[in-house]
Amino acid sequence: MGIYEELQARGLIAQVTNEEEIREMVNNGKARFYIGFDCTADSLTAGHFMALTLMKRLQQAGNTPIALIGGGTTMIGDPSGRTDMRKMLTREDIDHNAACFRRQMEKFIDFGEGKALMVNNADWLLGLNYVELLREVGACFSVNNMLRAECYKQRMEQGLTFFEFNYMIMQSYDFYYLFQHYDCNMQFGGDDQWSNMLGGTELIRKKLRRDAHAMTITLLTDSNGKKMGKTAGNAVWLDPNKTSPFDFYQYWRNVDDADVMKCIRMLTFLPLEQINEMDKWTGSDLNRAKEILAFELTEMVHGTEEAKKAEASAKALFGGGGDAENMPVTELTDADFADGAVDILTLLVKTGLCSSRGDARRNVEQGGVTAGDEKVTDIGKTFPKEAFAGGLVLRRGKKNYKKLIVK
C-alpha cells in the first residue's frame, strides 16, 4: 500500500484535482507541497492537528513539506466558515504568533537541510504594489465565480467586506509564488479551502501555462457535524501553558463513542491493521480505545513523560488507581481570600471551569459542581484557607477538574 492509499484508508482525502497524477507523485516521493497556517493566535490548536500529522506522514514517505506561515494573509484574515470578520492584528502580534508556530511545528516536521521548508508569505505579499497585482493577477479571477465560492457563503449573510474578499487572491498568489520560487507543485488544506485552492491552480495554469495540483483533507468533525478541537467554547491549544497536557489528554479521552475510531484512524500513527482490529471493539472496550487515542496524541504533542502523567491523573480521577499529583493546578493567593475565605463562584471562574460568575452560578444551581467529595449546591458556599492545605479537587460536570492549592 502506498502512502496515497493509506491516506484514503484513513479517511483523510476529500477532493483532488487529478487523482492519478497526485497518486503517482505522492507515492513516489515527488510531491513538494505546502500547507498554510495563518497566525491568528500565539499557539496552534487541535484543529491544526490533521494538517500537521498529514505533513509528517507525507514527509516520512519521502515527500517535501513546505510550512507556509501566513504573516501576510493574517493581515486580512480567512473568511472561510465565519459569520463575523476576524480581529485585525498588528504586525508585531503576527510576528510573535509566527515565532510560536515555528517552535510547535518542529515537533512534527523535520526541518533538516533538504527535508522541509518553512517560509512566511509576508516576505512577498507585503511588498506587492496594488495596481501591479490587479494587472498581473486580478484579470485571472471571475468575480461571479468568487461570489459562488463556499469560503464566502457565511460571510455573505452578514456582509462580506472588500477587505476579506481579497483573501482568495492572496492565497492563490501564495501558490503561484511558491510554484515559481520553491518548485512547489501541490497544495494541501482542509476541504473548506477547496475554492481558494482551485484559485491557485487556475492562476498557475493561466499565467504560466503549467499544471499544479491541490488536495483537500476531510475536516475532523464530531458526531453532530461540528468541527473538533474546541471544548466549552474555547480552542484546545497545543501550547501547554494554554491547554495543560492533562486537559489535552482529557479532551481526547472524552470524545464521543461514535468519533473515537475515526479520530484514531485519522490522527494517530498506529498501523491500519491494528486499527481495523479495534474497529470491532464495542461497549467498555471503547473506553480503552479512547485512552489509547488520548495517550497517543498527548505523547505526540507533549512527550512521553507528560502523557504518562496525564494518563495517571485521569485514572486516579475515574477510580482506576493512579497518581493525582499531576492533575492541573490553580494556585490561590492571599488576594483571592476575603476575611480568610473564598467563595465557590470565584473558584470556578479562577480555575477556568466556568467562563463567568453567571456561568458558575448556573452550574452550582444545576448540581454540576463538586468540591472534594462534597456536591456544592449553595452559590454562597465559601472555603477557608485550611481547606486547600492538601489540595482541593474542584469538579464541574463529570469530566472537568482542577486542583486548588494556596501559594
Protein backbone atom coordinates (compact mmCIF):
# COMPACT_ATOMS: atom_id res chain seq x y z
CA MET A 1 0.00 0.00 0.00
CA GLY A 2 1.38 3.39 -1.00
CA ILE A 3 1.03 6.49 1.16
CA TYR A 4 -1.80 7.76 -1.05
CA GLU A 5 -3.76 4.55 -0.49
CA GLU A 6 -3.03 4.81 3.23
CA LEU A 7 -4.44 8.35 3.32
CA GLN A 8 -7.55 7.03 1.61
CA ALA A 9 -7.84 4.14 4.07
CA ARG A 10 -7.58 6.57 6.97
CA GLY A 11 -10.44 8.65 5.54
CA LEU A 12 -8.27 11.71 5.04
CA ILE A 13 -8.75 12.57 1.37
CA ALA A 14 -11.77 14.70 0.46
CA GLN A 15 -11.08 16.15 -3.01
CA VAL A 16 -8.21 16.16 -5.51
CA THR A 17 -7.65 17.92 -8.81
CA ASN A 18 -6.13 14.99 -10.73
CA GLU A 19 -6.10 11.80 -8.75
CA GLU A 20 -3.84 9.68 -10.93
CA GLU A 21 -1.12 12.32 -11.15
CA ILE A 22 -1.32 13.09 -7.44
CA ARG A 23 -1.24 9.39 -6.57
CA GLU A 24 1.91 8.90 -8.65
CA MET A 25 3.65 11.97 -7.20
CA VAL A 26 2.81 11.24 -3.58
CA ASN A 27 3.59 7.51 -3.73
CA ASN A 28 6.95 8.18 -5.37
CA GLY A 29 8.03 10.99 -3.06
CA LYS A 30 7.76 13.64 -5.79
CA ALA A 31 5.28 15.92 -4.04
CA ARG A 32 6.72 19.23 -2.90
CA PHE A 33 3.62 20.51 -1.18
CA TYR A 34 2.59 23.33 1.08
CA ILE A 35 0.01 23.91 3.77
CA GLY A 36 -0.66 27.42 5.05
CA PHE A 37 -1.10 28.45 8.69
CA ASP A 38 -2.45 31.92 9.44
CA CYS A 39 -1.04 33.37 12.67
CA THR A 40 -4.30 34.42 14.36
CA ALA A 41 -3.15 33.28 17.83
CA ASP A 42 0.09 32.54 19.67
CA SER A 43 -0.44 28.80 19.55
CA LEU A 44 -1.59 26.16 17.11
CA THR A 45 -4.73 24.27 18.12
CA ALA A 46 -6.07 20.75 17.94
CA GLY A 47 -7.81 21.98 14.79
CA HIS A 48 -4.37 22.14 13.11
CA PHE A 49 -3.60 18.59 14.15
CA MET A 50 -4.69 16.88 10.95
CA ALA A 51 -2.58 19.20 8.81
CA LEU A 52 0.49 18.61 10.97
CA THR A 53 0.11 14.84 11.03
CA LEU A 54 -0.53 14.83 7.27
CA MET A 55 2.71 16.70 6.69
CA LYS A 56 4.53 14.23 8.91
CA ARG A 57 3.05 11.20 7.10
CA LEU A 58 3.96 12.57 3.68
CA GLN A 59 7.46 13.55 4.79
CA GLN A 60 8.05 10.05 6.13
CA ALA A 61 7.09 8.76 2.67
CA GLY A 62 9.82 10.90 1.06
CA ASN A 63 7.78 13.96 0.07
CA THR A 64 8.88 17.50 0.91
CA PRO A 65 6.58 19.69 3.05
CA ILE A 66 6.61 23.46 2.92
CA ALA A 67 5.09 25.01 6.04
CA LEU A 68 3.77 28.39 4.96
CA ILE A 69 3.46 30.84 7.84
CA GLY A 70 0.76 33.35 6.93
CA GLY A 71 2.41 36.52 8.11
CA GLY A 72 0.86 38.34 5.16
CA THR A 73 -2.53 36.66 4.79
CA THR A 74 -3.16 37.05 8.52
CA MET A 75 -3.20 40.81 7.88
CA ILE A 76 -6.52 40.14 6.09
CA GLY A 77 -7.86 37.01 7.76
CA ASP A 78 -9.52 33.99 6.18
CA PRO A 79 -13.33 34.46 5.99
CA SER A 80 -13.97 30.72 5.45
CA GLY A 81 -16.65 29.34 7.72
CA ARG A 82 -17.11 32.60 9.63
CA THR A 83 -20.12 34.82 10.20
CA ASP A 84 -18.04 37.73 11.52
CA MET A 85 -14.85 39.46 10.44
CA ARG A 86 -11.65 38.37 12.15
CA LYS A 87 -9.98 40.74 14.55
CA MET A 88 -7.25 42.76 12.87
CA LEU A 89 -3.86 42.06 14.41
CA THR A 90 -0.81 44.30 14.45
CA ARG A 91 2.34 43.31 12.57
CA GLU A 92 4.07 42.81 15.93
CA ASP A 93 1.34 40.42 17.13
CA ILE A 94 1.53 38.45 13.90
CA ASP A 95 5.32 38.16 14.05
CA HIS A 96 5.12 36.93 17.65
CA ASN A 97 2.47 34.36 16.75
CA ALA A 98 4.52 33.18 13.76
CA ALA A 99 7.53 32.55 16.02
CA CYS A 100 5.33 30.47 18.35
CA PHE A 101 4.02 28.42 15.41
CA ARG A 102 7.55 27.64 14.25
CA ARG A 103 8.53 26.16 17.60
CA GLN A 104 5.44 23.94 17.72
CA MET A 105 5.74 22.73 14.13
CA GLU A 106 9.25 21.47 14.77
CA LYS A 107 7.74 18.74 16.97
CA PHE A 108 6.04 17.25 13.91
CA ILE A 109 8.20 18.14 10.91
CA ASP A 110 11.92 17.58 10.38
CA PHE A 111 13.27 20.87 9.04
CA GLY A 112 16.74 19.46 8.45
CA GLU A 113 18.54 20.54 5.29
CA GLY A 114 16.62 19.45 2.20
CA LYS A 115 13.87 17.75 4.21
CA ALA A 116 11.34 20.57 4.61
CA LEU A 117 10.98 24.32 4.32
CA MET A 118 9.34 26.97 6.45
CA VAL A 119 8.54 30.24 4.69
CA ASN A 120 6.49 33.32 5.52
CA ASN A 121 4.21 34.89 2.91
CA ALA A 122 4.80 38.31 4.46
CA ASP A 123 8.10 38.18 2.56
CA TRP A 124 6.31 38.55 -0.79
CA LEU A 125 2.76 39.74 -0.06
CA LEU A 126 3.52 42.86 1.98
CA GLY A 127 5.73 44.33 -0.72
CA LEU A 128 3.21 43.95 -3.53
CA ASN A 129 2.17 47.01 -5.49
CA TYR A 130 -1.63 47.06 -5.55
CA VAL A 131 -2.05 48.26 -9.14
CA GLU A 132 0.58 45.83 -10.42
CA LEU A 133 -1.16 42.98 -8.56
CA LEU A 134 -4.50 43.90 -10.13
CA ARG A 135 -2.94 43.91 -13.58
CA GLU A 136 -0.98 40.70 -13.14
CA VAL A 137 -3.41 38.61 -11.10
CA GLY A 138 -6.79 40.33 -10.91
CA ALA A 139 -7.62 39.67 -14.55
CA CYS A 140 -7.41 35.90 -13.87
CA PHE A 141 -10.31 35.91 -11.40
CA SER A 142 -14.01 35.98 -12.19
CA VAL A 143 -15.99 37.93 -9.58
CA ASN A 144 -19.03 35.80 -10.40
CA ASN A 145 -17.10 32.62 -9.55
CA MET A 146 -15.65 34.16 -6.40
CA LEU A 147 -19.10 35.11 -5.13
CA ARG A 148 -20.22 31.50 -5.53
CA ALA A 149 -17.26 30.20 -3.55
CA GLU A 150 -18.05 28.18 -0.43
CA CYS A 151 -15.47 30.10 1.61
CA TYR A 152 -17.52 33.32 1.35
CA LYS A 153 -21.03 31.95 1.92
CA GLN A 154 -21.41 32.56 5.65
CA ARG A 155 -19.79 35.98 5.47
CA MET A 156 -22.16 36.95 2.64
CA GLU A 157 -25.08 36.53 5.05
CA GLN A 158 -23.64 39.12 7.44
CA GLY A 159 -21.93 41.32 4.87
CA LEU A 160 -18.63 40.44 3.21
CA THR A 161 -16.12 43.30 3.22
CA PHE A 162 -13.98 44.05 0.18
CA PHE A 163 -11.04 43.67 2.56
CA GLU A 164 -11.88 39.98 3.15
CA PHE A 165 -12.89 39.46 -0.48
CA ASN A 166 -9.20 39.76 -1.38
CA TYR A 167 -8.24 36.73 0.71
CA MET A 168 -8.77 34.23 -2.12
CA ILE A 169 -6.50 36.24 -4.39
CA MET A 170 -3.79 36.38 -1.71
CA GLN A 171 -3.93 32.63 -1.07
CA SER A 172 -3.90 31.92 -4.79
CA TYR A 173 -0.91 34.22 -5.21
CA ASP A 174 0.90 32.24 -2.49
CA PHE A 175 0.69 29.04 -4.56
CA TYR A 176 1.71 30.96 -7.70
CA TYR A 177 4.76 32.40 -5.91
CA LEU A 178 5.77 29.12 -4.27
CA PHE A 179 5.40 27.29 -7.59
CA GLN A 180 7.78 29.75 -9.25
CA HIS A 181 10.36 30.21 -6.48
CA TYR A 182 10.29 26.97 -4.45
CA ASP A 183 9.29 24.33 -7.04
CA CYS A 184 6.11 23.70 -5.04
CA ASN A 185 3.82 21.50 -7.15
CA MET A 186 0.97 20.77 -4.76
CA GLN A 187 -1.21 22.45 -2.16
CA PHE A 188 -2.98 20.69 0.71
CA GLY A 189 -5.64 22.01 3.05
CA GLY A 190 -8.99 21.38 4.70
CA ASP A 191 -11.97 20.78 2.45
CA ASP A 192 -13.34 24.21 3.38
CA GLN A 193 -10.39 25.66 1.43
CA TRP A 194 -11.26 24.00 -1.88
CA SER A 195 -12.34 27.13 -3.77
CA ASN A 196 -9.27 29.07 -2.58
CA MET A 197 -7.00 26.21 -3.61
CA LEU A 198 -8.56 25.93 -7.05
CA GLY A 199 -7.91 29.65 -7.44
CA GLY A 200 -4.20 28.96 -7.04
CA THR A 201 -4.13 26.09 -9.53
CA GLU A 202 -6.05 28.17 -12.08
CA LEU A 203 -3.74 31.15 -11.62
CA ILE A 204 -0.70 28.96 -12.33
CA ARG A 205 -2.38 27.44 -15.36
CA LYS A 206 -3.39 30.81 -16.82
CA LYS A 207 -0.20 32.71 -16.10
CA LEU A 208 2.43 30.01 -16.55
CA ARG A 209 0.60 27.52 -18.78
CA ARG A 210 1.56 24.75 -16.41
CA ASP A 211 -0.36 22.38 -14.14
CA ALA A 212 -0.28 22.38 -10.36
CA HIS A 213 -2.26 20.16 -8.05
CA ALA A 214 -4.45 20.51 -4.99
CA MET A 215 -5.77 18.01 -2.49
CA THR A 216 -8.04 18.67 0.45
CA ILE A 217 -8.31 16.58 3.59
CA THR A 218 -11.58 15.76 5.30
CA LEU A 219 -12.07 18.08 8.26
CA LEU A 220 -12.41 16.23 11.54
CA THR A 221 -15.90 16.77 12.94
CA ASP A 222 -17.74 15.25 15.86
CA SER A 223 -20.83 13.08 15.59
CA ASN A 224 -23.00 16.22 15.45
CA GLY A 225 -21.08 17.59 12.49
CA LYS A 226 -19.23 20.28 14.45
CA LYS A 227 -15.50 20.80 13.97
CA MET A 228 -13.47 19.11 16.67
CA GLY A 229 -10.70 20.82 18.58
CA LYS A 230 -12.84 23.08 20.73
CA THR A 231 -14.29 22.48 24.15
CA ALA A 232 -16.62 24.64 26.24
CA GLY A 233 -16.36 27.29 23.51
CA ASN A 234 -12.57 27.51 23.75
CA ALA A 235 -9.87 26.14 21.49
CA VAL A 236 -7.82 23.15 22.59
CA TRP A 237 -4.31 24.55 22.27
CA LEU A 238 -1.03 22.74 21.60
CA ASP A 239 0.78 25.16 23.93
CA PRO A 240 0.89 23.54 27.42
CA ASN A 241 0.58 26.99 29.02
CA LYS A 242 -2.80 27.44 27.35
CA THR A 243 -4.11 23.86 27.50
CA SER A 244 -2.30 21.68 30.02
CA PRO A 245 -1.19 18.18 28.97
CA PHE A 246 -3.81 16.81 31.38
CA ASP A 247 -6.61 18.88 29.80
CA PHE A 248 -5.37 17.95 26.33
CA TYR A 249 -5.43 14.26 27.31
CA GLN A 250 -8.89 14.64 28.83
CA TYR A 251 -10.27 16.31 25.71
CA TRP A 252 -9.40 13.30 23.57
CA ARG A 253 -10.27 10.83 26.34
CA ASN A 254 -13.79 12.26 26.34
CA VAL A 255 -14.62 12.17 22.62
CA ASP A 256 -17.96 10.56 21.74
CA ASP A 257 -18.11 6.82 21.23
CA ALA A 258 -19.14 7.46 17.63
CA ASP A 259 -15.98 9.51 16.97
CA VAL A 260 -13.19 7.63 18.72
CA MET A 261 -12.24 5.22 15.93
CA LYS A 262 -12.48 7.97 13.32
CA CYS A 263 -10.03 10.03 15.39
CA ILE A 264 -7.67 7.10 15.86
CA ARG A 265 -7.70 6.37 12.14
CA MET A 266 -7.15 9.97 11.06
CA LEU A 267 -4.81 11.31 13.73
CA THR A 268 -2.62 8.53 15.13
CA PHE A 269 0.24 6.67 13.52
CA LEU A 270 -0.97 3.27 14.73
CA PRO A 271 -0.80 0.62 11.98
CA LEU A 272 -4.00 0.23 9.97
CA GLU A 273 -4.05 -3.48 10.77
CA GLN A 274 -4.25 -2.69 14.50
CA ILE A 275 -6.92 -0.04 13.91
CA ASN A 276 -9.00 -2.44 11.82
CA GLU A 277 -9.00 -4.88 14.75
CA MET A 278 -10.00 -2.08 17.11
CA ASP A 279 -12.94 -1.27 14.82
CA LYS A 280 -14.58 -4.41 16.21
CA TRP A 281 -14.47 -3.10 19.78
CA THR A 282 -17.76 -2.25 21.48
CA GLY A 283 -19.03 -1.37 24.93
CA SER A 284 -16.37 -0.89 27.59
CA ASP A 285 -13.62 -1.55 25.04
CA LEU A 286 -14.39 1.86 23.54
CA ASN A 287 -13.11 3.43 26.74
CA ARG A 288 -9.85 1.60 26.21
CA ALA A 289 -9.78 2.95 22.65
CA LYS A 290 -10.27 6.48 24.00
CA GLU A 291 -7.37 6.03 26.40
CA ILE A 292 -5.17 4.86 23.52
CA LEU A 293 -6.22 7.88 21.42
CA ALA A 294 -5.61 10.32 24.28
CA PHE A 295 -2.20 8.87 25.12
CA GLU A 296 -1.00 8.71 21.50
CA LEU A 297 -1.92 12.33 20.77
CA THR A 298 -0.69 13.71 24.10
CA GLU A 299 2.61 11.90 23.62
CA MET A 300 2.94 13.37 20.12
CA VAL A 301 2.39 16.94 21.33
CA HIS A 302 3.81 16.94 24.87
CA GLY A 303 6.16 13.96 25.03
CA THR A 304 6.03 10.55 26.70
CA GLU A 305 6.57 11.74 30.28
CA GLU A 306 3.73 14.26 30.19
CA ALA A 307 1.45 11.73 28.51
CA LYS A 308 2.12 9.22 31.28
CA LYS A 309 1.45 11.84 33.95
CA ALA A 310 -1.83 12.83 32.31
CA GLU A 311 -2.87 9.20 31.99
CA ALA A 312 -2.09 8.51 35.66
CA SER A 313 -4.05 11.54 36.84
CA ALA A 314 -7.03 10.62 34.67
CA LYS A 315 -7.07 7.09 36.07
CA ALA A 316 -6.96 8.46 39.62
CA LEU A 317 -9.96 10.69 38.94
CA PHE A 318 -12.00 7.97 37.32
CA GLY A 319 -11.37 5.47 40.08
CA GLY A 320 -8.92 3.25 38.27
CA GLY A 321 -5.93 3.94 40.50
CA GLY A 322 -3.07 6.18 39.58
CA ASP A 323 -1.48 9.37 40.82
CA ALA A 324 -3.48 12.60 41.21
CA GLU A 325 -0.33 14.63 41.81
CA ASN A 326 -0.09 15.51 38.13
CA MET A 327 -3.56 16.98 37.85
CA PRO A 328 -3.55 20.59 36.55
CA VAL A 329 -3.27 23.04 39.42
CA THR A 330 -4.66 26.51 40.04
CA GLU A 331 -2.81 28.47 42.70
CA LEU A 332 -4.67 30.79 45.05
CA THR A 333 -3.03 33.80 46.62
CA ASP A 334 -3.96 35.96 49.59
CA ALA A 335 -5.70 38.35 47.20
CA ASP A 336 -8.28 35.67 46.40
CA PHE A 337 -9.47 35.48 50.02
CA ALA A 338 -11.79 37.87 51.81
CA ASP A 339 -11.85 37.51 55.61
CA GLY A 340 -9.90 34.26 55.28
CA ALA A 341 -12.31 32.54 52.86
CA VAL A 342 -13.10 32.34 49.14
CA ASP A 343 -16.49 31.62 47.59
CA ILE A 344 -17.36 28.83 45.15
CA LEU A 345 -18.21 31.14 42.24
CA THR A 346 -14.79 32.80 42.46
CA LEU A 347 -13.11 29.39 42.47
CA LEU A 348 -14.99 28.18 39.40
CA VAL A 349 -14.05 31.28 37.42
CA LYS A 350 -10.46 31.35 38.74
CA THR A 351 -9.85 27.76 37.62
CA GLY A 352 -11.41 28.35 34.22
CA LEU A 353 -14.00 25.64 34.85
CA CYS A 354 -16.65 28.29 34.25
CA SER A 355 -16.42 31.30 31.95
CA SER A 356 -18.13 33.80 34.26
CA ARG A 357 -19.82 34.11 37.64
CA GLY A 358 -23.17 33.74 35.86
CA ASP A 359 -21.99 30.50 34.28
CA ALA A 360 -20.67 29.35 37.66
CA ARG A 361 -23.97 30.17 39.34
CA ARG A 362 -25.90 28.08 36.79
CA ASN A 363 -23.60 25.09 37.23
CA VAL A 364 -23.91 25.18 41.02
CA GLU A 365 -27.70 25.57 40.93
CA GLN A 366 -27.98 22.68 38.48
CA GLY A 367 -25.98 20.39 40.78
CA GLY A 368 -22.97 20.08 38.50
CA VAL A 369 -20.24 21.17 40.92
CA THR A 370 -18.27 19.07 43.41
CA ALA A 371 -15.52 20.19 45.79
CA GLY A 372 -13.58 17.25 47.19
CA ASP A 373 -16.22 14.62 47.84
CA GLU A 374 -18.99 17.15 48.51
CA LYS A 375 -21.55 18.30 45.97
CA VAL A 376 -21.94 22.08 46.18
CA THR A 377 -25.49 23.38 45.76
CA ASP A 378 -25.22 26.70 47.64
CA ILE A 379 -23.93 29.57 45.49
CA GLY A 380 -22.81 31.31 48.68
CA LYS A 381 -20.61 28.40 49.79
CA THR A 382 -17.15 29.56 50.99
CA PHE A 383 -13.93 27.74 51.79
CA PRO A 384 -11.33 28.72 54.40
CA LYS A 385 -7.63 28.63 53.61
CA GLU A 386 -7.23 25.40 55.56
CA ALA A 387 -9.48 23.59 53.04
CA PHE A 388 -6.71 23.82 50.46
CA ALA A 389 -3.89 22.51 52.64
CA GLY A 390 -3.64 19.17 50.84
CA GLY A 391 -5.05 20.44 47.58
CA LEU A 392 -8.79 20.62 46.94
CA VAL A 393 -10.13 18.99 43.76
CA LEU A 394 -12.88 21.07 42.17
CA ARG A 395 -15.04 19.43 39.52
CA ARG A 396 -17.59 20.78 37.04
CA GLY A 397 -19.66 18.02 35.50
CA LYS A 398 -18.13 14.57 35.17
CA LYS A 399 -15.08 15.39 33.09
CA ASN A 400 -13.67 18.79 34.08
CA TYR A 401 -11.30 19.01 37.06
CA LYS A 402 -8.80 21.34 38.67
CA LYS A 403 -6.79 21.02 41.87
CA LEU A 404 -6.62 24.15 44.03
CA ILE A 405 -3.72 24.97 46.30
CA VAL A 406 -2.68 28.07 48.23
CA LYS A 407 0.58 29.59 47.06
